[in-house]
Amino acid sequence: MPSTAPLSTASWTFAENYVAEDAVLAAARERATEVGVTPIGTGGGAALRFLASVLEARSVVEIGTGTGVSGLWLLRGMRPDGVLTTVDLEAEHQRLAREAFTAAGFASQRVRTIPGAALDVLPRLTDGHYDIVFADGDKTEYGSYLTEALRLLRPGGVVVFDNALWHDRVADPSRRDEETVAVRDLTRLVAEHESLVPVLLPVGDGLLLAKKEWVQEQD
């Protein structure tokens, strides 16, 4: 029978770093540290690139630009004509992200940076137009991001939430702070949603993915 024992730290680290980051990603990650931003981990980034590649993503929404780490991973998986729309409160962070995208060789028209609060910007985006919605913003707003993602995604598209385990707090019922409760509630909403096919991956700080199902035609 297969073992159900948890992974050792060595195995988790090996898996997390299985797909290596290049100098451009390393520089973007270093800039994130300098400005106090926590970007997605290497394993999570590799998962984003894989997802974008499998879906042959042409249109992606990112909530939380940071300094461009997750955006680089997404762009590297998207179609050559794909466009990343990325939203962040901090215009300076987006400037740093654009530097990273340029350093990686992506043309300016491949990325649309929109400064502002996600819940102000997302309602202005086109319904059913996007292949992926990736959320790494305010954890207390994750439930609202899910509502917007369901509107924005095409059938077959995927919503992704980073920090779905939230520093080991989500699995601990004694943790009742606002952010932990919000992320925990999100995992329940996604699991119970009739039109979503979910999976929770123990990658980085947890990566929650859910596919928006195709609508079944009635006879």
C-alpha atoms as a PDB file:
ATOM      1  CA  MET A   1       0.000   0.000   0.000  1.00  0.00           C
ATOM      2  CA  PRO A   2       1.256   3.546  -0.693  1.00  0.00           C
ATOM      3  CA  SER A   3       2.537   5.500   2.254  1.00  0.00           C
ATOM      4  CA  THR A   4       0.304   8.234   3.671  1.00  0.00           C
ATOM      5  CA  ALA A   5       3.059   9.743   5.794  1.00  0.00           C
ATOM      6  CA  PRO A   6       3.719  13.450   5.198  1.00  0.00           C
ATOM      7  CA  LEU A   7       6.611  14.448   2.987  1.00  0.00           C
ATOM      8  CA  SER A   8       9.942  15.094   4.612  1.00  0.00           C
ATOM      9  CA  THR A   9      11.319  18.620   4.472  1.00  0.00           C
ATOM     10  CA  ALA A  10      13.962  17.413   2.032  1.00  0.00           C
ATOM     11  CA  SER A  11      11.374  15.966  -0.363  1.00  0.00           C
ATOM     12  CA  TRP A  12       9.171  19.073  -0.139  1.00  0.00           C
ATOM     13  CA  THR A  13      12.180  21.307  -0.864  1.00  0.00           C
ATOM     14  CA  PHE A  14      13.203  19.097  -3.791  1.00  0.00           C
ATOM     15  CA  ALA A  15       9.710  19.323  -5.281  1.00  0.00           C
ATOM     16  CA  GLU A  16       9.427  23.066  -4.618  1.00  0.00           C
ATOM     17  CA  ASN A  17      12.675  23.753  -6.470  1.00  0.00           C
ATOM     18  CA  TYR A  18      12.245  21.114  -9.188  1.00  0.00           C
ATOM     19  CA  VAL A  19      11.735  23.802 -11.835  1.00  0.00           C
ATOM     20  CA  ALA A  20      14.543  26.305 -11.380  1.00  0.00           C
ATOM     21  CA  GLU A  21      14.228  30.060 -11.664  1.00  0.00           C
ATOM     22  CA  ASP A  22      16.485  32.016 -14.012  1.00  0.00           C
ATOM     23  CA  ALA A  23      18.281  35.297 -13.380  1.00  0.00           C
ATOM     24  CA  VAL A  24      15.280  37.439 -14.402  1.00  0.00           C
ATOM     25  CA  LEU A  25      12.989  35.721 -11.925  1.00  0.00           C
ATOM     26  CA  ALA A  26      15.662  35.809  -9.234  1.00  0.00           C
ATOM     27  CA  ALA A  27      16.060  39.571  -9.733  1.00  0.00           C
ATOM     28  CA  ALA A  28      12.280  40.118  -9.547  1.00  0.00           C
ATOM     29  CA  ARG A  29      12.156  38.058  -6.361  1.00  0.00           C
ATOM     30  CA  GLU A  30      15.010  40.106  -4.875  1.00  0.00           C
ATOM     31  CA  ARG A  31      13.180  43.342  -5.666  1.00  0.00           C
ATOM     32  CA  ALA A  32      10.100  41.918  -3.959  1.00  0.00           C
ATOM     33  CA  THR A  33      12.106  41.409  -0.791  1.00  0.00           C
ATOM     34  CA  GLU A  34      13.425  44.956  -0.993  1.00  0.00           C
ATOM     35  CA  VAL A  35       9.941  46.501  -1.184  1.00  0.00           C
ATOM     36  CA  GLY A  36       8.318  44.158   1.336  1.00  0.00           C
ATOM     37  CA  VAL A  37       6.288  42.018  -1.067  1.00  0.00           C
ATOM     38  CA  THR A  38       5.961  38.249  -0.631  1.00  0.00           C
ATOM     39  CA  PRO A  39       5.727  36.690  -4.118  1.00  0.00           C
ATOM     40  CA  ILE A  40       4.524  33.227  -5.012  1.00  0.00           C
ATOM     41  CA  GLY A  41       7.070  30.474  -4.369  1.00  0.00           C
ATOM     42  CA  THR A  42       8.987  28.682  -7.093  1.00  0.00           C
ATOM     43  CA  GLY A  43       6.772  25.596  -6.986  1.00  0.00           C
ATOM     44  CA  GLY A  44       3.623  27.685  -7.196  1.00  0.00           C
ATOM     45  CA  GLY A  45       5.071  29.693 -10.047  1.00  0.00           C
ATOM     46  CA  ALA A  46       5.913  26.529 -11.956  1.00  0.00           C
ATOM     47  CA  ALA A  47       2.337  25.347 -11.421  1.00  0.00           C
ATOM     48  CA  LEU A  48       1.020  28.629 -12.858  1.00  0.00           C
ATOM     49  CA  ARG A  49       3.209  28.302 -15.938  1.00  0.00           C
ATOM     50  CA  PHE A  50       2.094  24.697 -16.413  1.00  0.00           C
ATOM     51  CA  LEU A  51      -1.571  25.657 -16.090  1.00  0.00           C
ATOM     52  CA  ALA A  52      -1.242  28.554 -18.543  1.00  0.00           C
ATOM     53  CA  SER A  53       0.501  26.237 -20.999  1.00  0.00           C
ATOM     54  CA  VAL A  54      -2.054  23.428 -20.705  1.00  0.00           C
ATOM     55  CA  LEU A  55      -4.933  25.868 -21.212  1.00  0.00           C
ATOM     56  CA  GLU A  56      -3.057  27.642 -24.028  1.00  0.00           C
ATOM     57  CA  ALA A  57      -4.107  30.767 -22.190  1.00  0.00           C
ATOM     58  CA  ARG A  58      -4.601  33.907 -24.238  1.00  0.00           C
ATOM     59  CA  SER A  59      -6.195  36.147 -21.585  1.00  0.00           C
ATOM     60  CA  VAL A  60      -5.245  36.086 -17.899  1.00  0.00           C
ATOM     61  CA  VAL A  61      -6.184  38.315 -14.964  1.00  0.00           C
ATOM     62  CA  GLU A  62      -3.792  38.645 -12.053  1.00  0.00           C
ATOM     63  CA  ILE A  63      -4.807  40.215  -8.733  1.00  0.00           C
ATOM     64  CA  GLY A  64      -1.611  41.378  -7.050  1.00  0.00           C
ATOM     65  CA  THR A  65       1.139  42.352  -9.487  1.00  0.00           C
ATOM     66  CA  GLY A  66       3.898  42.613  -6.896  1.00  0.00           C
ATOM     67  CA  THR A  67       7.245  42.964  -8.645  1.00  0.00           C
ATOM     68  CA  GLY A  68       6.314  40.596 -11.454  1.00  0.00           C
ATOM     69  CA  VAL A  69       7.309  37.145 -10.182  1.00  0.00           C
ATOM     70  CA  SER A  70       3.965  35.429 -10.735  1.00  0.00           C
ATOM     71  CA  GLY A  71       3.392  37.469 -13.889  1.00  0.00           C
ATOM     72  CA  LEU A  72       6.617  36.155 -15.393  1.00  0.00           C
ATOM     73  CA  TRP A  73       5.615  32.568 -14.671  1.00  0.00           C
ATOM     74  CA  LEU A  74       2.182  33.126 -16.221  1.00  0.00           C
ATOM     75  CA  LEU A  75       3.505  34.871 -19.327  1.00  0.00           C
ATOM     76  CA  ARG A  76       6.000  32.080 -19.927  1.00  0.00           C
ATOM     77  CA  GLY A  77       3.150  29.585 -20.098  1.00  0.00           C
ATOM     78  CA  MET A  78       0.719  31.663 -22.121  1.00  0.00           C
ATOM     79  CA  ARG A  79       0.341  31.719 -25.885  1.00  0.00           C
ATOM     80  CA  PRO A  80       2.749  34.037 -27.748  1.00  0.00           C
ATOM     81  CA  ASP A  81      -0.167  36.389 -28.436  1.00  0.00           C
ATOM     82  CA  GLY A  82      -1.523  36.185 -24.890  1.00  0.00           C
ATOM     83  CA  VAL A  83      -2.166  39.266 -22.756  1.00  0.00           C
ATOM     84  CA  LEU A  84      -1.765  39.442 -18.978  1.00  0.00           C
ATOM     85  CA  THR A  85      -3.995  41.971 -17.213  1.00  0.00           C
ATOM     86  CA  THR A  86      -2.530  42.613 -13.779  1.00  0.00           C
ATOM     87  CA  VAL A  87      -3.991  44.729 -10.979  1.00  0.00           C
ATOM     88  CA  ASP A  88      -2.249  46.204  -7.927  1.00  0.00           C
ATOM     89  CA  LEU A  89      -2.733  49.057  -5.500  1.00  0.00           C
ATOM     90  CA  GLU A  90       0.942  50.045  -5.715  1.00  0.00           C
ATOM     91  CA  ALA A  91       1.921  51.772  -8.963  1.00  0.00           C
ATOM     92  CA  GLU A  92       5.601  51.604  -7.965  1.00  0.00           C
ATOM     93  CA  HIS A  93       5.421  47.827  -7.660  1.00  0.00           C
ATOM     94  CA  GLN A  94       3.913  47.679 -11.128  1.00  0.00           C
ATOM     95  CA  ARG A  95       6.759  49.806 -12.469  1.00  0.00           C
ATOM     96  CA  LEU A  96       9.227  47.257 -11.089  1.00  0.00           C
ATOM     97  CA  ALA A  97       7.162  44.451 -12.598  1.00  0.00           C
ATOM     98  CA  ARG A  98       7.256  46.093 -16.018  1.00  0.00           C
ATOM     99  CA  GLU A  99      11.040  46.222 -15.739  1.00  0.00           C
ATOM    100  CA  ALA A 100      11.047  42.485 -15.089  1.00  0.00           C
ATOM    101  CA  PHE A 101       8.754  41.784 -18.029  1.00  0.00           C
ATOM    102  CA  THR A 102      10.961  43.866 -20.332  1.00  0.00           C
ATOM    103  CA  ALA A 103      14.099  42.120 -19.065  1.00  0.00           C
ATOM    104  CA  ALA A 104      12.459  38.789 -19.859  1.00  0.00           C
ATOM    105  CA  GLY A 105      11.840  39.907 -23.447  1.00  0.00           C
ATOM    106  CA  PHE A 106       8.068  40.388 -23.344  1.00  0.00           C
ATOM    107  CA  ALA A 107       6.684  43.130 -25.565  1.00  0.00           C
ATOM    108  CA  SER A 108       4.824  45.913 -23.795  1.00  0.00           C
ATOM    109  CA  GLN A 109       1.534  44.967 -25.465  1.00  0.00           C
ATOM    110  CA  ARG A 110       1.664  41.551 -23.760  1.00  0.00           C
ATOM    111  CA  VAL A 111       0.959  43.134 -20.355  1.00  0.00           C
ATOM    112  CA  ARG A 112      -1.778  45.522 -19.252  1.00  0.00           C
ATOM    113  CA  THR A 113      -1.007  46.948 -15.801  1.00  0.00           C
ATOM    114  CA  ILE A 114      -3.926  48.587 -14.009  1.00  0.00           C
ATOM    115  CA  PRO A 115      -3.263  50.406 -10.724  1.00  0.00           C
ATOM    116  CA  GLY A 116      -6.106  50.358  -8.243  1.00  0.00           C
ATOM    117  CA  ALA A 117      -8.109  48.256  -5.822  1.00  0.00           C
ATOM    118  CA  ALA A 118      -9.045  44.883  -7.287  1.00  0.00           C
ATOM    119  CA  LEU A 119     -12.716  45.154  -6.400  1.00  0.00           C
ATOM    120  CA  ASP A 120     -12.868  48.504  -8.196  1.00  0.00           C
ATOM    121  CA  VAL A 121     -11.080  47.249 -11.303  1.00  0.00           C
ATOM    122  CA  LEU A 122     -12.464  43.724 -11.785  1.00  0.00           C
ATOM    123  CA  PRO A 123     -16.084  44.808 -12.412  1.00  0.00           C
ATOM    124  CA  ARG A 124     -14.841  46.796 -15.418  1.00  0.00           C
ATOM    125  CA  LEU A 125     -13.359  43.727 -17.116  1.00  0.00           C
ATOM    126  CA  THR A 126     -15.185  41.694 -19.771  1.00  0.00           C
ATOM    127  CA  ASP A 127     -17.480  38.837 -18.760  1.00  0.00           C
ATOM    128  CA  GLY A 128     -16.485  35.328 -19.872  1.00  0.00           C
ATOM    129  CA  HIS A 129     -13.305  36.533 -21.546  1.00  0.00           C
ATOM    130  CA  TYR A 130     -10.498  35.065 -19.458  1.00  0.00           C
ATOM    131  CA  ASP A 131      -8.783  31.683 -19.307  1.00  0.00           C
ATOM    132  CA  ILE A 132      -7.250  32.152 -15.845  1.00  0.00           C
ATOM    133  CA  VAL A 133      -7.894  34.428 -12.892  1.00  0.00           C
ATOM    134  CA  PHE A 134      -5.013  34.325 -10.409  1.00  0.00           C
ATOM    135  CA  ALA A 135      -5.590  35.902  -6.996  1.00  0.00           C
ATOM    136  CA  ASP A 136      -2.792  36.867  -4.618  1.00  0.00           C
ATOM    137  CA  GLY A 137      -4.270  39.984  -3.082  1.00  0.00           C
ATOM    138  CA  ASP A 138      -6.073  40.893   0.141  1.00  0.00           C
ATOM    139  CA  LYS A 139      -7.018  37.602   1.818  1.00  0.00           C
ATOM    140  CA  THR A 140     -10.123  39.117   3.380  1.00  0.00           C
ATOM    141  CA  GLU A 141     -11.409  39.802  -0.149  1.00  0.00           C
ATOM    142  CA  TYR A 142     -10.872  36.275  -1.484  1.00  0.00           C
ATOM    143  CA  GLY A 143     -14.608  35.471  -1.396  1.00  0.00           C
ATOM    144  CA  SER A 144     -15.355  38.559  -3.489  1.00  0.00           C
ATOM    145  CA  TYR A 145     -12.544  37.662  -5.903  1.00  0.00           C
ATOM    146  CA  LEU A 146     -14.209  34.277  -6.401  1.00  0.00           C
ATOM    147  CA  THR A 147     -17.497  35.978  -7.298  1.00  0.00           C
ATOM    148  CA  GLU A 148     -15.747  38.181  -9.849  1.00  0.00           C
ATOM    149  CA  ALA A 149     -13.724  35.260 -11.230  1.00  0.00           C
ATOM    150  CA  LEU A 150     -16.854  33.228 -11.919  1.00  0.00           C
ATOM    151  CA  ARG A 151     -18.110  36.102 -14.053  1.00  0.00           C
ATOM    152  CA  LEU A 152     -14.809  36.763 -15.797  1.00  0.00           C
ATOM    153  CA  LEU A 153     -13.833  33.187 -16.655  1.00  0.00           C
ATOM    154  CA  ARG A 154     -14.898  31.435 -19.802  1.00  0.00           C
ATOM    155  CA  PRO A 155     -16.342  27.925 -19.354  1.00  0.00           C
ATOM    156  CA  GLY A 156     -13.335  25.655 -18.840  1.00  0.00           C
ATOM    157  CA  GLY A 157     -11.291  28.494 -17.353  1.00  0.00           C
ATOM    158  CA  VAL A 158      -9.553  28.201 -13.997  1.00  0.00           C
ATOM    159  CA  VAL A 159      -9.418  30.411 -10.907  1.00  0.00           C
ATOM    160  CA  VAL A 160      -6.306  30.113  -8.742  1.00  0.00           C
ATOM    161  CA  PHE A 161      -5.744  31.379  -5.199  1.00  0.00           C
ATOM    162  CA  ASP A 162      -2.306  31.595  -3.614  1.00  0.00           C
ATOM    163  CA  ASN A 163      -1.767  31.229   0.170  1.00  0.00           C
ATOM    164  CA  ALA A 164      -4.662  28.776   0.411  1.00  0.00           C
ATOM    165  CA  LEU A 165      -3.098  27.166   3.501  1.00  0.00           C
ATOM    166  CA  TRP A 166      -2.164  30.583   4.947  1.00  0.00           C
ATOM    167  CA  HIS A 167       0.941  29.716   6.955  1.00  0.00           C
ATOM    168  CA  ASP A 168      -0.564  26.460   8.316  1.00  0.00           C
ATOM    169  CA  ARG A 169      -3.434  28.374   9.925  1.00  0.00           C
ATOM    170  CA  VAL A 170      -6.324  27.284   7.697  1.00  0.00           C
ATOM    171  CA  ALA A 171      -6.128  23.665   8.882  1.00  0.00           C
ATOM    172  CA  ASP A 172      -6.055  24.740  12.543  1.00  0.00           C
ATOM    173  CA  PRO A 173      -9.643  25.427  13.715  1.00  0.00           C
ATOM    174  CA  SER A 174      -8.359  27.370  16.714  1.00  0.00           C
ATOM    175  CA  ARG A 175      -7.059  30.092  14.389  1.00  0.00           C
ATOM    176  CA  ARG A 176      -9.861  32.645  14.074  1.00  0.00           C
ATOM    177  CA  ASP A 177      -8.179  35.809  12.834  1.00  0.00           C
ATOM    178  CA  GLU A 178      -9.929  37.606   9.978  1.00  0.00           C
ATOM    179  CA  GLU A 179      -7.572  36.564   7.194  1.00  0.00           C
ATOM    180  CA  THR A 180      -7.468  32.910   8.215  1.00  0.00           C
ATOM    181  CA  VAL A 181     -11.254  32.720   8.483  1.00  0.00           C
ATOM    182  CA  ALA A 182     -11.623  34.362   5.061  1.00  0.00           C
ATOM    183  CA  VAL A 183      -9.273  31.875   3.388  1.00  0.00           C
ATOM    184  CA  ARG A 184     -10.889  28.942   5.226  1.00  0.00           C
ATOM    185  CA  ASP A 185     -14.347  30.104   4.129  1.00  0.00           C
ATOM    186  CA  LEU A 186     -13.076  30.373   0.557  1.00  0.00           C
ATOM    187  CA  THR A 187     -11.861  26.768   0.529  1.00  0.00           C
ATOM    188  CA  ARG A 188     -15.297  25.651   1.720  1.00  0.00           C
ATOM    189  CA  LEU A 189     -17.114  27.779  -0.880  1.00  0.00           C
ATOM    190  CA  VAL A 190     -14.983  26.411  -3.704  1.00  0.00           C
ATOM    191  CA  ALA A 191     -15.355  22.802  -2.551  1.00  0.00           C
ATOM    192  CA  GLU A 192     -19.160  23.111  -2.327  1.00  0.00           C
ATOM    193  CA  HIS A 193     -19.720  25.124  -5.516  1.00  0.00           C
ATOM    194  CA  GLU A 194     -21.745  23.122  -8.045  1.00  0.00           C
ATOM    195  CA  SER A 195     -20.075  24.628 -11.114  1.00  0.00           C
ATOM    196  CA  LEU A 196     -16.455  24.235  -9.974  1.00  0.00           C
ATOM    197  CA  VAL A 197     -14.026  21.317 -10.057  1.00  0.00           C
ATOM    198  CA  PRO A 198     -11.520  22.058  -7.257  1.00  0.00           C
ATOM    199  CA  VAL A 199      -8.113  20.864  -6.147  1.00  0.00           C
ATOM    200  CA  LEU A 200      -5.973  22.106  -3.257  1.00  0.00           C
ATOM    201  CA  LEU A 201      -2.263  21.626  -3.857  1.00  0.00           C
ATOM    202  CA  PRO A 202       0.249  21.674  -0.976  1.00  0.00           C
ATOM    203  CA  VAL A 203       2.604  23.807  -3.060  1.00  0.00           C
ATOM    204  CA  GLY A 204       4.362  26.696  -1.360  1.00  0.00           C
ATOM    205  CA  ASP A 205       1.806  28.193   1.026  1.00  0.00           C
ATOM    206  CA  GLY A 206      -1.018  26.294  -0.667  1.00  0.00           C
ATOM    207  CA  LEU A 207      -2.465  26.719  -4.150  1.00  0.00           C
ATOM    208  CA  LEU A 208      -6.239  26.365  -4.602  1.00  0.00           C
ATOM    209  CA  LEU A 209      -7.407  25.811  -8.177  1.00  0.00           C
ATOM    210  CA  ALA A 210     -10.932  25.377  -9.514  1.00  0.00           C
ATOM    211  CA  LYS A 211     -12.116  24.837 -13.065  1.00  0.00           C
ATOM    212  CA  LYS A 212     -15.331  26.528 -14.155  1.00  0.00           C
ATOM    213  CA  GLU A 213     -17.429  23.746 -15.614  1.00  0.00           C
ATOM    214  CA  TRP A 214     -19.108  23.911 -18.997  1.00  0.00           C
ATOM    215  CA  VAL A 215     -22.850  24.491 -18.715  1.00  0.00           C
ATOM    216  CA  GLN A 216     -24.784  21.305 -19.479  1.00  0.00           C
ATOM    217  CA  GLU A 217     -27.428  21.798 -22.126  1.00  0.00           C
ATOM    218  CA  GLN A 218     -30.933  20.810 -21.085  1.00  0.00           C
ATOM    219  CA  ASP A 219     -32.896  18.390 -23.270  1.00  0.00           C
END
